């Protein structure tokens, strides 16, 4: 059975065709996006990528990736509720 890439995931493998001094990529791979994430890309949204270093059962190194829509972190405290004393000691 062929390996199936899960939605919003991918992997990168060492480029076996890379030679010293050439401009080929060190790693190459594939990924698969859900229709929703692909639409987010078409809408101009930024994606985030999280990567993990792994090994196959045979010991070959590779990276696995997970993609998601970038969402800026929200401040936990409303700025208007925070009082800051800027007076010197």
N, C-alpha and C. Protein backbone atom coordinates (compact mmCIF):
# COMPACT_ATOMS: atom_id res chain seq x y z
N UNK A 1 0.84 -1.19 0.00
CA UNK A 1 0.00 0.00 0.00
C UNK A 1 0.88 1.24 0.00
N UNK A 2 0.59 2.17 -0.87
CA UNK A 2 1.36 3.40 -0.99
C UNK A 2 1.08 4.33 0.19
N UNK A 3 2.08 5.11 0.54
CA UNK A 3 1.95 6.08 1.63
C UNK A 3 0.99 7.18 1.22
N UNK A 4 0.02 7.47 2.07
CA UNK A 4 -0.93 8.53 1.79
C UNK A 4 -0.65 9.71 2.72
N UNK A 5 -0.52 10.88 2.13
CA UNK A 5 -0.27 12.09 2.92
C UNK A 5 -1.60 12.57 3.48
N UNK A 6 -1.64 12.81 4.79
CA UNK A 6 -2.85 13.32 5.44
C UNK A 6 -3.04 14.79 5.08
N UNK A 7 -4.30 15.25 5.13
CA UNK A 7 -4.60 16.66 4.85
C UNK A 7 -3.81 17.58 5.78
N UNK A 8 -3.31 18.66 5.21
CA UNK A 8 -2.57 19.70 5.93
C UNK A 8 -1.26 19.20 6.52
N UNK A 9 -0.73 18.14 5.93
CA UNK A 9 0.53 17.56 6.36
C UNK A 9 1.44 17.34 5.16
N UNK A 10 2.70 17.08 5.45
CA UNK A 10 3.65 16.79 4.40
C UNK A 10 4.93 16.25 4.99
N UNK A 11 5.90 15.96 4.14
CA UNK A 11 7.20 15.48 4.61
C UNK A 11 8.28 15.91 3.63
N UNK A 12 9.49 16.04 4.15
CA UNK A 12 10.66 16.40 3.35
C UNK A 12 11.73 15.34 3.58
N UNK A 13 12.39 14.95 2.49
CA UNK A 13 13.41 13.92 2.54
C UNK A 13 14.71 14.46 1.98
N UNK A 14 15.85 13.91 2.42
CA UNK A 14 17.12 14.34 1.82
C UNK A 14 17.09 14.13 0.30
N UNK A 15 17.63 15.08 -0.42
CA UNK A 15 17.67 15.03 -1.89
C UNK A 15 18.84 14.15 -2.30
N UNK A 16 18.53 12.96 -2.77
CA UNK A 16 19.57 12.01 -3.18
C UNK A 16 20.35 12.48 -4.41
N UNK A 17 19.83 13.48 -5.13
CA UNK A 17 20.50 13.98 -6.33
C UNK A 17 21.38 15.19 -6.05
N UNK A 18 21.42 15.64 -4.80
CA UNK A 18 22.24 16.80 -4.41
C UNK A 18 23.72 16.43 -4.50
N UNK A 19 24.48 17.32 -5.13
CA UNK A 19 25.93 17.14 -5.23
C UNK A 19 26.60 18.37 -4.64
N UNK A 20 27.77 18.19 -4.09
CA UNK A 20 28.51 19.30 -3.48
C UNK A 20 28.69 20.42 -4.50
N UNK A 21 28.35 21.64 -4.10
CA UNK A 21 28.55 22.81 -4.94
C UNK A 21 27.43 23.13 -5.90
N UNK A 22 26.46 22.25 -6.05
CA UNK A 22 25.36 22.59 -6.97
C UNK A 22 24.26 23.34 -6.22
N UNK A 23 23.29 23.83 -6.97
CA UNK A 23 22.24 24.66 -6.37
C UNK A 23 20.96 23.87 -6.07
N UNK A 24 21.02 22.56 -6.15
CA UNK A 24 19.84 21.75 -5.86
C UNK A 24 19.49 21.84 -4.37
N UNK A 25 18.22 21.68 -4.05
CA UNK A 25 17.82 21.75 -2.64
C UNK A 25 18.40 20.59 -1.83
N UNK A 26 18.64 20.83 -0.56
CA UNK A 26 19.16 19.81 0.34
C UNK A 26 18.08 18.76 0.61
N UNK A 27 16.83 19.23 0.71
CA UNK A 27 15.71 18.34 0.95
C UNK A 27 14.60 18.69 -0.02
N UNK A 28 13.73 17.73 -0.28
CA UNK A 28 12.55 17.98 -1.10
C UNK A 28 11.43 17.09 -0.60
N UNK A 29 10.20 17.48 -0.90
CA UNK A 29 9.09 16.70 -0.39
C UNK A 29 7.77 17.09 -1.01
N UNK A 30 6.71 16.61 -0.37
CA UNK A 30 5.35 16.85 -0.84
C UNK A 30 4.48 17.20 0.36
N UNK A 31 3.38 17.89 0.08
CA UNK A 31 2.38 18.15 1.12
C UNK A 31 1.01 18.16 0.48
N UNK A 32 0.00 18.04 1.33
CA UNK A 32 -1.39 18.02 0.86
C UNK A 32 -2.21 18.95 1.73
N UNK A 33 -2.91 19.88 1.10
CA UNK A 33 -3.75 20.83 1.83
C UNK A 33 -5.22 20.46 1.67
N UNK A 34 -5.99 20.72 2.71
CA UNK A 34 -7.44 20.56 2.62
C UNK A 34 -7.98 21.67 1.71
N UNK A 35 -9.20 21.53 1.24
CA UNK A 35 -9.80 22.57 0.40
C UNK A 35 -9.89 23.88 1.16
N UNK A 36 -10.17 23.81 2.47
CA UNK A 36 -10.29 25.03 3.28
C UNK A 36 -8.95 25.75 3.39
N UNK A 37 -7.88 25.00 3.61
CA UNK A 37 -6.56 25.63 3.73
C UNK A 37 -6.09 26.14 2.37
N UNK A 38 -6.38 25.41 1.31
CA UNK A 38 -6.03 25.88 -0.03
C UNK A 38 -6.77 27.18 -0.35
N UNK A 39 -8.03 27.27 0.06
CA UNK A 39 -8.80 28.50 -0.16
C UNK A 39 -8.21 29.65 0.63
N UNK A 40 -7.74 29.37 1.84
CA UNK A 40 -7.09 30.41 2.65
C UNK A 40 -5.86 30.95 1.93
N UNK A 41 -5.10 30.08 1.28
CA UNK A 41 -3.94 30.51 0.51
C UNK A 41 -4.39 31.39 -0.66
N UNK A 42 -5.42 30.95 -1.37
CA UNK A 42 -5.95 31.73 -2.49
C UNK A 42 -6.47 33.09 -2.03
N UNK A 43 -6.96 33.16 -0.79
CA UNK A 43 -7.46 34.41 -0.22
C UNK A 43 -6.33 35.29 0.31
N UNK A 44 -5.07 34.84 0.17
CA UNK A 44 -3.92 35.64 0.57
C UNK A 44 -3.53 35.52 2.02
N UNK A 45 -4.07 34.53 2.72
CA UNK A 45 -3.72 34.36 4.13
C UNK A 45 -2.35 33.70 4.27
N UNK A 46 -1.71 33.97 5.38
CA UNK A 46 -0.41 33.39 5.69
C UNK A 46 -0.60 32.05 6.38
N UNK A 47 0.25 31.08 6.04
CA UNK A 47 0.22 29.79 6.70
C UNK A 47 1.37 29.68 7.68
N UNK A 48 1.20 28.86 8.69
CA UNK A 48 2.30 28.50 9.58
C UNK A 48 2.67 27.06 9.28
N UNK A 49 3.91 26.72 9.58
CA UNK A 49 4.38 25.35 9.39
C UNK A 49 5.10 24.92 10.67
N UNK A 50 4.75 23.74 11.12
CA UNK A 50 5.45 23.13 12.25
C UNK A 50 6.14 21.89 11.72
N UNK A 51 7.39 21.66 12.12
CA UNK A 51 8.16 20.55 11.58
C UNK A 51 8.77 19.71 12.70
N UNK A 52 8.82 18.41 12.46
CA UNK A 52 9.40 17.47 13.40
C UNK A 52 10.43 16.63 12.68
N UNK A 53 11.54 16.34 13.35
CA UNK A 53 12.58 15.48 12.82
C UNK A 53 12.23 14.04 13.18
N UNK A 54 12.24 13.15 12.18
CA UNK A 54 11.86 11.75 12.37
C UNK A 54 12.84 10.83 11.67
N UNK A 55 12.66 9.53 11.92
CA UNK A 55 13.41 8.49 11.22
C UNK A 55 12.44 7.39 10.81
N UNK A 56 12.69 6.82 9.64
CA UNK A 56 11.90 5.67 9.21
C UNK A 56 12.34 4.45 10.02
N UNK A 57 11.59 3.37 9.88
CA UNK A 57 11.99 2.13 10.56
C UNK A 57 13.36 1.68 10.08
N UNK A 58 13.72 2.03 8.85
CA UNK A 58 15.02 1.68 8.29
C UNK A 58 16.12 2.65 8.70
N UNK A 59 15.79 3.70 9.46
CA UNK A 59 16.78 4.64 9.96
C UNK A 59 17.02 5.87 9.11
N UNK A 60 16.28 6.03 8.01
CA UNK A 60 16.47 7.20 7.16
C UNK A 60 15.81 8.43 7.80
N UNK A 61 16.55 9.55 7.85
CA UNK A 61 16.04 10.78 8.45
C UNK A 61 15.10 11.50 7.49
N UNK A 62 14.07 12.14 8.06
CA UNK A 62 13.17 12.98 7.28
C UNK A 62 12.48 13.96 8.22
N UNK A 63 11.84 14.97 7.64
CA UNK A 63 11.05 15.93 8.41
C UNK A 63 9.58 15.74 8.08
N UNK A 64 8.73 15.79 9.09
CA UNK A 64 7.29 15.80 8.85
C UNK A 64 6.79 17.20 9.18
N UNK A 65 5.76 17.64 8.47
CA UNK A 65 5.27 19.00 8.59
C UNK A 65 3.76 19.02 8.79
N UNK A 66 3.29 20.03 9.50
CA UNK A 66 1.86 20.29 9.65
C UNK A 66 1.63 21.76 9.33
N UNK A 67 0.62 22.03 8.50
CA UNK A 67 0.31 23.38 8.05
C UNK A 67 -1.00 23.85 8.66
N UNK A 68 -1.07 25.14 8.96
CA UNK A 68 -2.32 25.73 9.46
C UNK A 68 -2.33 27.22 9.10
N UNK A 69 -3.51 27.84 9.20
CA UNK A 69 -3.62 29.27 8.92
C UNK A 69 -3.02 30.03 10.09
N UNK A 70 -2.20 31.01 9.79
CA UNK A 70 -1.58 31.83 10.83
C UNK A 70 -2.64 32.69 11.50
N UNK A 71 -2.67 32.62 12.80
CA UNK A 71 -3.55 33.48 13.59
C UNK A 71 -2.72 34.14 14.67
N UNK A 72 -2.60 35.48 14.61
CA UNK A 72 -1.79 36.19 15.61
C UNK A 72 -2.29 35.87 17.02
N UNK A 73 -1.34 35.78 17.93
CA UNK A 73 -1.71 35.51 19.32
C UNK A 73 -2.39 36.74 19.90
N UNK A 74 -3.47 36.52 20.63
CA UNK A 74 -4.20 37.60 21.27
C UNK A 74 -3.59 37.90 22.63
N UNK A 75 -3.57 39.18 23.01
CA UNK A 75 -3.12 39.53 24.36
C UNK A 75 -4.09 38.93 25.36
N UNK A 76 -3.56 38.33 26.40
CA UNK A 76 -4.42 37.71 27.41
C UNK A 76 -5.13 38.74 28.27
N UNK A 77 -4.54 39.93 28.37
CA UNK A 77 -5.11 40.98 29.20
C UNK A 77 -5.42 42.18 28.32
N UNK A 78 -6.59 42.74 28.47
CA UNK A 78 -6.98 43.93 27.72
C UNK A 78 -6.07 45.07 28.14
N UNK A 79 -5.45 45.75 27.17
CA UNK A 79 -4.49 46.81 27.48
C UNK A 79 -5.10 47.92 28.32
N UNK A 80 -6.39 48.21 28.16
CA UNK A 80 -7.01 49.28 28.92
C UNK A 80 -7.13 48.93 30.40
N UNK A 81 -7.11 47.64 30.73
CA UNK A 81 -7.24 47.23 32.11
C UNK A 81 -5.92 47.21 32.86
N UNK A 82 -4.82 47.34 32.14
CA UNK A 82 -3.50 47.29 32.77
C UNK A 82 -3.03 48.69 33.13
N UNK A 83 -2.70 48.87 34.41
CA UNK A 83 -2.14 50.16 34.85
C UNK A 83 -0.65 50.01 34.98
N UNK A 84 0.09 50.90 34.34
CA UNK A 84 1.53 50.85 34.40
C UNK A 84 2.04 52.15 34.99
N UNK A 85 2.83 52.05 36.04
CA UNK A 85 3.42 53.21 36.67
C UNK A 85 4.77 53.46 36.01
N UNK A 86 4.87 54.50 35.19
CA UNK A 86 6.11 54.79 34.49
C UNK A 86 6.96 55.80 35.24
N UNK A 87 6.54 56.23 36.43
CA UNK A 87 7.33 57.19 37.21
C UNK A 87 8.60 56.51 37.72
N UNK A 88 9.70 57.30 37.78
CA UNK A 88 10.95 56.70 38.28
C UNK A 88 10.82 56.29 39.74
N UNK A 89 11.71 55.47 40.19
CA UNK A 89 11.70 54.92 41.54
C UNK A 89 11.32 55.99 42.47
